[in-house]
Amino acid sequence: MMTMLRGVNLGLAFALELAMLAGLGVWAFGLSQDLLIRWALVIVVVALATAVWAVWGAPMSAMRLPEPWLLVFKIGMFGATTLLMLLAGQGFWAAVFGVLVALNLGLAQLFGQH
């Protein structure tokens, strides 16, 4: 049972990383009235977040942060996304995202999934 729960938590972690990019994209899309600028902002914001995560947060990165800095980094990235989703008018989804992030990070600490 615990092995299955650990696997589910790893899957949730990956889903939350993708949801973070989607949430940032929703926020960026609302920053302009011009459609071309909207899409340009989405591309830039999502690419920047992906690059930052790839360097300091990705499991296979040579520059991945050690604990406890990795946890601080994840809380910062996910927390900023939650706030930006809220500012984009997506309060319900921001709350769902924030609760799932807290559950995932808590279980990751419990299971030693760094």
Protein backbone atom coordinates (compact mmCIF):
# COMPACT_ATOMS: atom_id res chain seq x y z
CA MET A 1 0.00 0.00 0.00
CA MET A 2 2.79 2.42 0.89
CA THR A 3 4.63 1.63 -2.34
CA MET A 4 1.51 2.49 -4.31
CA LEU A 5 1.02 5.73 -2.34
CA ARG A 6 4.64 6.71 -3.02
CA GLY A 7 4.11 6.13 -6.74
CA VAL A 8 0.88 8.11 -6.75
CA ASN A 9 2.67 10.98 -5.01
CA LEU A 10 5.42 10.99 -7.65
CA GLY A 11 2.76 11.07 -10.36
CA LEU A 12 1.03 13.93 -8.57
CA ALA A 13 4.35 15.80 -8.40
CA PHE A 14 4.72 15.58 -12.17
CA ALA A 15 1.09 16.60 -12.74
CA LEU A 16 1.59 19.62 -10.46
CA GLU A 17 4.68 20.67 -12.41
CA LEU A 18 2.62 20.64 -15.61
CA ALA A 19 -0.27 22.42 -13.86
CA MET A 20 2.20 25.07 -12.69
CA LEU A 21 3.14 25.79 -16.30
CA ALA A 22 -0.53 25.91 -17.30
CA GLY A 23 -1.35 28.27 -14.42
CA LEU A 24 1.50 30.56 -15.31
CA GLY A 25 0.31 30.52 -18.91
CA VAL A 26 -3.22 31.51 -17.87
CA TRP A 27 -1.82 34.40 -15.86
CA ALA A 28 0.46 35.56 -18.68
CA PHE A 29 -2.40 35.38 -21.20
CA GLY A 30 -4.34 37.94 -19.18
CA LEU A 31 -1.57 40.54 -19.12
CA SER A 32 -2.45 42.17 -22.45
CA GLN A 33 -5.41 42.88 -24.68
CA ASP A 34 -3.44 42.28 -27.87
CA LEU A 35 -3.70 38.62 -28.92
CA LEU A 36 -0.19 38.45 -30.37
CA ILE A 37 1.33 39.93 -27.23
CA ARG A 38 -0.76 37.56 -25.07
CA TRP A 39 0.63 34.51 -26.81
CA ALA A 40 4.16 35.90 -26.81
CA LEU A 41 3.90 36.44 -23.04
CA VAL A 42 2.60 32.90 -22.53
CA ILE A 43 5.52 31.47 -24.48
CA VAL A 44 8.11 33.58 -22.67
CA VAL A 45 6.72 33.00 -19.16
CA VAL A 46 6.25 29.26 -19.63
CA ALA A 47 9.69 28.88 -21.26
CA LEU A 48 11.34 30.84 -18.46
CA ALA A 49 9.60 28.79 -15.75
CA THR A 50 10.52 25.57 -17.57
CA ALA A 51 14.16 26.63 -17.80
CA VAL A 52 14.36 27.61 -14.14
CA TRP A 53 12.75 24.32 -13.09
CA ALA A 54 15.01 22.32 -15.42
CA VAL A 55 18.13 23.85 -13.91
CA TRP A 56 17.33 23.83 -10.19
CA GLY A 57 14.35 21.54 -9.68
CA ALA A 58 14.49 18.68 -12.17
CA PRO A 59 15.56 15.32 -10.70
CA MET A 60 18.21 14.68 -13.37
CA SER A 61 19.69 18.19 -13.36
CA ALA A 62 23.40 18.48 -12.61
CA MET A 63 22.65 21.73 -10.78
CA ARG A 64 19.62 20.51 -8.79
CA LEU A 65 19.40 22.24 -5.45
CA PRO A 66 20.13 20.18 -2.33
CA GLU A 67 17.67 19.94 0.53
CA PRO A 68 16.45 22.11 2.24
CA TRP A 69 16.93 24.60 -0.61
CA LEU A 70 15.06 22.38 -3.04
CA LEU A 71 12.00 22.50 -0.79
CA VAL A 72 12.29 26.29 -0.49
CA PHE A 73 12.57 26.53 -4.29
CA LYS A 74 9.50 24.35 -4.83
CA ILE A 75 7.46 26.28 -2.27
CA GLY A 76 8.50 29.53 -3.99
CA MET A 77 7.65 28.34 -7.50
CA PHE A 78 4.38 26.68 -6.55
CA GLY A 79 3.45 29.50 -4.17
CA ALA A 80 4.05 32.16 -6.81
CA THR A 81 1.97 30.17 -9.28
CA THR A 82 -0.87 29.87 -6.77
CA LEU A 83 -0.81 33.62 -6.16
CA LEU A 84 -0.65 34.44 -9.87
CA MET A 85 -3.56 32.10 -10.60
CA LEU A 86 -5.54 33.89 -7.90
CA LEU A 87 -4.65 37.27 -9.42
CA ALA A 88 -5.75 35.94 -12.83
CA GLY A 89 -9.23 35.37 -11.42
CA GLN A 90 -8.85 31.62 -11.03
CA GLY A 91 -9.52 31.46 -7.29
CA PHE A 92 -11.06 28.00 -7.26
CA TRP A 93 -8.24 26.45 -9.29
CA ALA A 94 -5.64 28.34 -7.27
CA ALA A 95 -7.09 26.85 -4.08
CA VAL A 96 -7.20 23.33 -5.54
CA PHE A 97 -3.64 23.71 -6.81
CA GLY A 98 -2.37 25.07 -3.49
CA VAL A 99 -3.97 22.27 -1.46
CA LEU A 100 -2.60 19.59 -3.79
CA VAL A 101 0.87 21.17 -3.67
CA ALA A 102 0.81 21.20 0.14
CA LEU A 103 -0.31 17.55 0.22
CA ASN A 104 2.30 16.53 -2.34
CA LEU A 105 5.21 18.35 -0.69
CA GLY A 106 4.21 17.07 2.74
CA LEU A 107 4.05 13.46 1.54
CA ALA A 108 7.32 13.91 -0.39
CA GLN A 109 9.04 14.96 2.82
CA LEU A 110 7.48 12.04 4.71
CA PHE A 111 8.53 9.53 2.03
CA GLY A 112 11.98 11.05 1.42
CA GLN A 113 11.09 11.87 -2.20
CA HIS A 114 13.48 14.72 -2.89
